[in-house]
Amino acid sequence: MNENSAIELQLIHLFVHLVSVGGFSQAATKLNMPVATVSRKIAKLEAALNTQLIMRSTRKLRLTEEGAELFERYSKLIYQFDELQHRESRPTGTLRIATPISITSMILIEAFNEFSKLYPEINLHISQNNQTIDLIDEGVDVAIVGGAQPDSSWVSKSLGVLNYGLFASKNYLASAAEINHPQTLNQHNLIKVWPLFNWNLTKGTEQYYYDGEAKITLADLYAAVRLAVNDGGILYGPELFVKQQLAQGQLVKVLPQWRGENRRICLLYHQRKQQPQKVKLFIDFMLSKSETLFDLH
């Protein structure tokens, strides 16, 4: 299609809408342009086709024979085009998200639900998996990961940071051996949970690395928190995940002067020139929520 043909089609699009609404002022309102512009463009179309399409001698819009023929020829096509454009302007389809199990249920699920309500025509397919997966083979649009980025070809945006520490119930600590240094951890019931089965603890310039045994090892942080609340032992986990339990006194910090690791949580997605609208909307939404999601206060 040459440039003149494209311009002609744009003018025909305007002409069909003008006839459909029945007047220049109505068409100007619908298409958000001045009445004079509508009139000028119709005159340009008539000049291009070298024929009169609309009789302007009366207040009511009347078509010439050539105008009626043009409307009949193109109206169905223009309506189909408008419907297609309308569909493409609405965010629709299935958005495939890969996330770790615990962070979904304990931090992200409410944000996912809010996004789903904002965009009811987008379906969320959330694949929860603690193992590294091939994001392309799995057809993932957006992944949420912690720690090292699995594939450098993906774009990474930070959502927040999880600060790790040691936590236990008061009842457990009252009945267990005194703990005044990480070196005494091996005298306690310890709860190890994915992904940090070995613990890095820092106090100023002093560091301690624990890679010993645990009473219970599991992959679900939610279950690990419940275990600690029920006097199961000392948990090494993100402070954000036990925020409520700390506030209610169900758990307390153990060796609070010793700090654990800082684990960054990121959004991963492919950089494309034509990023699907559903992906753009989700990325922008999650980034707007990140400060709230990872706020300890």
Protein backbone atom coordinates (compact mmCIF):
# COMPACT_ATOMS: atom_id res chain seq x y z
CA MET A 1 0.00 0.00 0.00
CA ASN A 2 1.43 3.38 -1.02
CA GLU A 3 1.21 6.51 1.08
CA ASN A 4 -1.71 7.96 -0.90
CA SER A 5 -3.72 4.75 -0.50
CA ALA A 6 -3.11 4.74 3.26
CA ILE A 7 -4.27 8.36 3.55
CA GLU A 8 -7.32 7.55 1.43
CA LEU A 9 -8.25 4.66 3.72
CA GLN A 10 -7.98 6.94 6.76
CA LEU A 11 -10.37 9.37 5.07
CA ILE A 12 -12.78 6.55 4.19
CA HIS A 13 -12.65 5.47 7.85
CA LEU A 14 -13.72 8.98 8.81
CA PHE A 15 -16.44 9.02 6.13
CA VAL A 16 -17.97 5.74 7.36
CA HIS A 17 -18.12 7.05 10.94
CA LEU A 18 -19.65 10.31 9.74
CA VAL A 19 -22.43 8.47 7.93
CA SER A 20 -22.94 6.09 10.88
CA VAL A 21 -23.55 8.86 13.43
CA GLY A 22 -25.54 11.00 11.02
CA GLY A 23 -23.86 14.38 11.23
CA PHE A 24 -20.63 16.37 11.24
CA SER A 25 -20.90 17.52 14.85
CA GLN A 26 -21.67 13.99 16.07
CA ALA A 27 -18.70 12.61 14.13
CA ALA A 28 -16.45 15.34 15.52
CA THR A 29 -17.48 14.40 19.07
CA LYS A 30 -17.00 10.67 18.51
CA LEU A 31 -13.61 11.07 16.83
CA ASN A 32 -12.45 13.88 19.14
CA MET A 33 -11.68 16.45 16.44
CA PRO A 34 -13.09 19.85 15.44
CA VAL A 35 -16.11 19.93 13.12
CA ALA A 36 -14.09 22.00 10.64
CA THR A 37 -11.47 19.23 10.50
CA VAL A 38 -14.13 16.62 9.74
CA SER A 39 -15.51 18.80 6.96
CA ARG A 40 -12.06 19.48 5.53
CA LYS A 41 -11.11 15.78 5.50
CA ILE A 42 -14.35 14.80 3.75
CA ALA A 43 -13.69 17.46 1.12
CA LYS A 44 -10.18 16.01 0.71
CA LEU A 45 -11.66 12.53 0.19
CA GLU A 46 -14.09 13.86 -2.41
CA ALA A 47 -11.23 15.57 -4.22
CA ALA A 48 -9.16 12.38 -4.15
CA LEU A 49 -12.05 10.34 -5.58
CA ASN A 50 -13.10 13.17 -7.89
CA THR A 51 -16.74 12.81 -6.87
CA GLN A 52 -19.24 14.35 -4.45
CA LEU A 53 -20.16 12.02 -1.59
CA ILE A 54 -22.35 14.21 0.62
CA MET A 55 -24.93 16.83 -0.32
CA ARG A 56 -24.49 19.83 1.94
CA SER A 57 -27.50 21.83 0.81
CA THR A 58 -29.66 20.62 3.67
CA ARG A 59 -29.15 20.49 7.41
CA LYS A 60 -29.70 16.75 7.41
CA LEU A 61 -26.83 14.56 6.18
CA ARG A 62 -27.64 13.15 2.76
CA LEU A 63 -25.50 10.92 0.60
CA THR A 64 -25.10 11.10 -3.13
CA GLU A 65 -25.41 7.88 -5.08
CA GLU A 66 -21.62 7.63 -5.12
CA GLY A 67 -21.49 8.29 -1.36
CA ALA A 68 -24.04 5.55 -0.63
CA GLU A 69 -22.09 3.14 -2.81
CA LEU A 70 -18.83 3.96 -1.01
CA PHE A 71 -20.43 3.50 2.39
CA GLU A 72 -21.94 0.15 1.34
CA ARG A 73 -18.59 -1.04 0.03
CA TYR A 74 -16.46 -0.13 3.05
CA SER A 75 -18.71 0.03 6.14
CA LYS A 76 -18.50 -3.66 7.05
CA LEU A 77 -14.72 -3.65 6.67
CA ILE A 78 -14.36 -0.50 8.78
CA TYR A 79 -16.59 -1.93 11.53
CA GLN A 80 -14.54 -5.15 11.60
CA PHE A 81 -11.33 -3.13 11.78
CA ASP A 82 -12.68 -1.04 14.67
CA GLU A 83 -13.72 -4.16 16.57
CA LEU A 84 -10.27 -5.68 16.10
CA GLN A 85 -8.64 -2.47 17.30
CA HIS A 86 -10.94 -2.41 20.33
CA ARG A 87 -10.06 -5.98 21.22
CA GLU A 88 -6.35 -5.32 20.89
CA SER A 89 -6.63 -2.23 23.10
CA ARG A 90 -8.04 -4.30 25.96
CA PRO A 91 -5.56 -6.39 27.95
CA THR A 92 -6.62 -10.00 27.44
CA GLY A 93 -5.22 -13.52 27.43
CA THR A 94 -3.25 -15.66 29.84
CA LEU A 95 -0.23 -14.29 31.68
CA ARG A 96 2.19 -17.02 32.74
CA ILE A 97 4.12 -16.27 35.93
CA ALA A 98 6.78 -18.43 37.60
CA THR A 99 7.30 -17.88 41.33
CA PRO A 100 8.79 -19.68 44.34
CA ILE A 101 6.19 -21.45 46.48
CA SER A 102 6.49 -19.62 49.80
CA ILE A 103 6.89 -16.08 48.54
CA THR A 104 3.69 -16.48 46.54
CA SER A 105 1.50 -17.50 49.45
CA MET A 106 3.12 -15.23 52.05
CA ILE A 107 3.83 -12.01 50.13
CA LEU A 108 2.59 -11.90 46.55
CA ILE A 109 -0.83 -13.55 46.40
CA GLU A 110 -2.80 -10.48 47.49
CA ALA A 111 -1.06 -8.33 44.86
CA PHE A 112 -1.82 -10.98 42.22
CA ASN A 113 -5.46 -10.94 43.28
CA GLU A 114 -5.59 -7.13 43.08
CA PHE A 115 -4.08 -7.20 39.58
CA SER A 116 -6.61 -9.85 38.53
CA LYS A 117 -9.49 -7.64 39.69
CA LEU A 118 -8.08 -4.61 37.87
CA TYR A 119 -7.80 -6.56 34.62
CA PRO A 120 -10.59 -9.17 34.64
CA GLU A 121 -9.90 -10.29 31.06
CA ILE A 122 -6.34 -11.36 31.91
CA ASN A 123 -6.03 -14.87 33.34
CA LEU A 124 -3.07 -15.56 35.62
CA HIS A 125 -1.37 -18.93 35.35
CA ILE A 126 0.96 -19.04 38.36
CA SER A 127 3.55 -21.80 38.30
CA GLN A 128 4.95 -22.24 41.82
CA ASN A 129 8.25 -24.06 41.85
CA ASN A 130 11.33 -23.87 44.05
CA GLN A 131 13.49 -25.48 41.38
CA THR A 132 15.24 -23.63 38.56
CA ILE A 133 13.19 -24.01 35.39
CA ASP A 134 13.82 -23.17 31.74
CA LEU A 135 11.68 -20.06 31.43
CA ILE A 136 11.51 -20.23 27.64
CA ASP A 137 10.64 -23.94 27.49
CA GLU A 138 7.95 -23.39 30.11
CA GLY A 139 6.50 -20.45 28.19
CA VAL A 140 6.89 -18.04 31.10
CA ASP A 141 6.09 -14.35 30.54
CA VAL A 142 7.37 -13.05 33.89
CA ALA A 143 9.37 -14.81 36.60
CA ILE A 144 9.89 -13.73 40.19
CA VAL A 145 13.14 -15.08 41.60
CA GLY A 146 15.44 -14.67 44.56
CA GLY A 147 19.20 -14.55 44.48
CA ALA A 148 21.21 -15.08 41.31
CA GLN A 149 19.53 -14.49 37.97
CA PRO A 150 19.21 -17.85 36.16
CA ASP A 151 19.57 -16.44 32.63
CA SER A 152 21.44 -13.25 31.78
CA SER A 153 19.39 -12.80 28.58
CA TRP A 154 16.40 -11.78 30.71
CA VAL A 155 15.81 -8.25 31.97
CA SER A 156 15.91 -7.99 35.77
CA LYS A 157 14.02 -5.44 37.91
CA SER A 158 14.37 -5.40 41.68
CA LEU A 159 11.20 -5.79 43.73
CA GLY A 160 12.79 -5.75 47.16
CA VAL A 161 15.14 -7.42 49.62
CA LEU A 162 14.49 -10.14 52.20
CA ASN A 163 16.59 -9.72 55.35
CA TYR A 164 17.33 -13.03 57.07
CA GLY A 165 17.70 -13.71 60.77
CA LEU A 166 17.15 -16.27 63.53
CA PHE A 167 13.72 -16.67 65.19
CA ALA A 168 12.15 -18.94 67.80
CA SER A 169 9.25 -19.03 70.24
CA LYS A 170 9.74 -17.91 73.86
CA ASN A 171 8.63 -21.33 75.06
CA TYR A 172 11.28 -23.09 73.02
CA LEU A 173 14.05 -20.77 74.24
CA ALA A 174 12.91 -21.12 77.86
CA SER A 175 13.28 -24.89 77.71
CA ALA A 176 16.41 -25.10 75.55
CA ALA A 177 20.09 -24.54 76.20
CA GLU A 178 21.27 -20.96 76.47
CA ILE A 179 22.33 -19.45 73.17
CA ASN A 180 24.77 -16.53 73.24
CA HIS A 181 26.79 -17.21 70.08
CA PRO A 182 26.15 -18.98 66.75
CA GLN A 183 28.70 -21.59 67.83
CA THR A 184 26.05 -23.01 70.19
CA LEU A 185 23.49 -23.53 67.39
CA ASN A 186 24.45 -27.20 67.19
CA GLN A 187 22.97 -27.65 70.69
CA HIS A 188 19.50 -26.70 69.43
CA ASN A 189 16.64 -27.97 67.32
CA LEU A 190 17.18 -26.11 64.06
CA ILE A 191 14.72 -25.59 61.22
CA LYS A 192 16.29 -25.40 57.78
CA VAL A 193 14.15 -24.23 54.88
CA TRP A 194 14.64 -23.65 51.15
CA PRO A 195 16.56 -21.93 49.65
CA LEU A 196 19.16 -21.21 52.35
CA PHE A 197 19.99 -24.52 53.98
CA ASN A 198 23.36 -23.19 55.10
CA TRP A 199 23.48 -19.95 57.08
CA ASN A 200 25.74 -16.92 56.88
CA LEU A 201 25.67 -14.76 60.02
CA THR A 202 27.54 -11.49 60.51
CA LYS A 203 28.21 -9.31 63.55
CA GLY A 204 30.35 -6.32 62.62
CA THR A 205 33.52 -7.80 61.15
CA GLU A 206 32.91 -11.24 62.71
CA GLN A 207 31.32 -13.90 60.54
CA TYR A 208 29.92 -17.35 61.23
CA TYR A 209 28.89 -20.00 58.71
CA TYR A 210 26.61 -22.84 59.80
CA ASP A 211 26.31 -25.88 57.56
CA GLY A 212 25.58 -28.48 60.22
CA GLU A 213 22.57 -30.69 60.81
CA ALA A 214 18.99 -29.59 61.34
CA LYS A 215 16.15 -31.15 63.29
CA ILE A 216 13.78 -30.53 60.38
CA THR A 217 14.54 -29.54 56.79
CA LEU A 218 11.76 -28.54 54.41
CA ALA A 219 10.95 -26.53 51.29
CA ASP A 220 7.98 -24.45 52.46
CA LEU A 221 8.69 -21.31 54.51
CA TYR A 222 5.06 -21.03 55.56
CA ALA A 223 5.25 -24.46 57.18
CA ALA A 224 8.63 -23.58 58.72
CA VAL A 225 7.16 -20.49 60.39
CA ARG A 226 4.27 -22.53 61.82
CA LEU A 227 6.76 -25.05 63.12
CA ALA A 228 8.79 -22.35 64.89
CA VAL A 229 5.64 -20.79 66.40
CA ASN A 230 4.75 -24.22 67.79
CA ASP A 231 8.05 -24.49 69.69
CA GLY A 232 9.75 -26.57 66.99
CA GLY A 233 13.13 -24.86 67.25
CA ILE A 234 15.17 -22.03 65.80
CA LEU A 235 14.31 -20.90 62.28
CA TYR A 236 16.63 -19.07 59.88
CA GLY A 237 14.36 -17.11 57.58
CA PRO A 238 13.28 -13.72 56.21
CA GLU A 239 12.14 -11.26 58.87
CA LEU A 240 9.32 -10.13 56.58
CA PHE A 241 7.82 -13.61 56.67
CA VAL A 242 7.55 -13.53 60.49
CA LYS A 243 6.54 -9.87 60.81
CA GLN A 244 3.11 -10.69 62.20
CA GLN A 245 4.40 -13.40 64.55
CA LEU A 246 7.01 -11.01 65.97
CA ALA A 247 4.40 -8.30 66.51
CA GLN A 248 2.10 -10.75 68.31
CA GLY A 249 4.88 -12.19 70.46
CA GLN A 250 4.59 -15.66 68.95
CA LEU A 251 8.23 -15.45 67.90
CA VAL A 252 11.23 -13.43 69.06
CA LYS A 253 14.57 -12.70 67.46
CA VAL A 254 17.43 -14.98 68.43
CA LEU A 255 20.89 -13.44 68.57
CA PRO A 256 19.49 -10.15 67.18
CA GLN A 257 22.98 -8.63 67.00
CA TRP A 258 23.88 -11.24 64.38
CA ARG A 259 22.54 -10.45 60.91
CA GLY A 260 21.75 -12.98 58.24
CA GLU A 261 21.88 -12.67 54.48
CA ASN A 262 20.12 -10.12 52.31
CA ARG A 263 18.35 -11.92 49.48
CA ARG A 264 17.18 -9.74 46.59
CA ILE A 265 13.86 -10.58 44.90
CA CYS A 266 13.59 -9.65 41.23
CA LEU A 267 11.18 -9.62 38.31
CA LEU A 268 12.56 -11.29 35.19
CA TYR A 269 11.16 -10.82 31.70
CA HIS A 270 12.30 -10.83 28.10
CA GLN A 271 13.18 -7.52 26.48
CA ARG A 272 11.05 -7.28 23.37
CA LYS A 273 10.41 -4.39 21.02
CA GLN A 274 6.71 -5.26 21.03
CA GLN A 275 6.12 -6.33 24.62
CA PRO A 276 2.58 -7.74 25.07
CA GLN A 277 0.33 -5.29 26.88
CA LYS A 278 -0.54 -7.81 29.60
CA VAL A 279 3.18 -8.19 30.41
CA LYS A 280 3.77 -4.43 30.51
CA LEU A 281 0.78 -3.90 32.79
CA PHE A 282 1.88 -6.65 35.20
CA ILE A 283 5.47 -5.40 35.41
CA ASP A 284 4.38 -1.82 36.06
CA PHE A 285 1.82 -2.96 38.64
CA MET A 286 4.26 -5.13 40.58
CA LEU A 287 6.95 -2.44 40.59
CA SER A 288 4.38 0.05 41.92
CA LYS A 289 3.58 -2.40 44.75
CA SER A 290 7.16 -3.36 45.60
CA GLU A 291 7.71 -0.82 48.38
CA THR A 292 4.53 -1.90 50.14
CA LEU A 293 5.17 -5.61 49.67
CA PHE A 294 8.68 -5.53 51.14
CA ASP A 295 8.12 -2.95 53.87
CA LEU A 296 8.86 -4.26 57.37
CA HIS A 297 7.16 -1.34 59.14
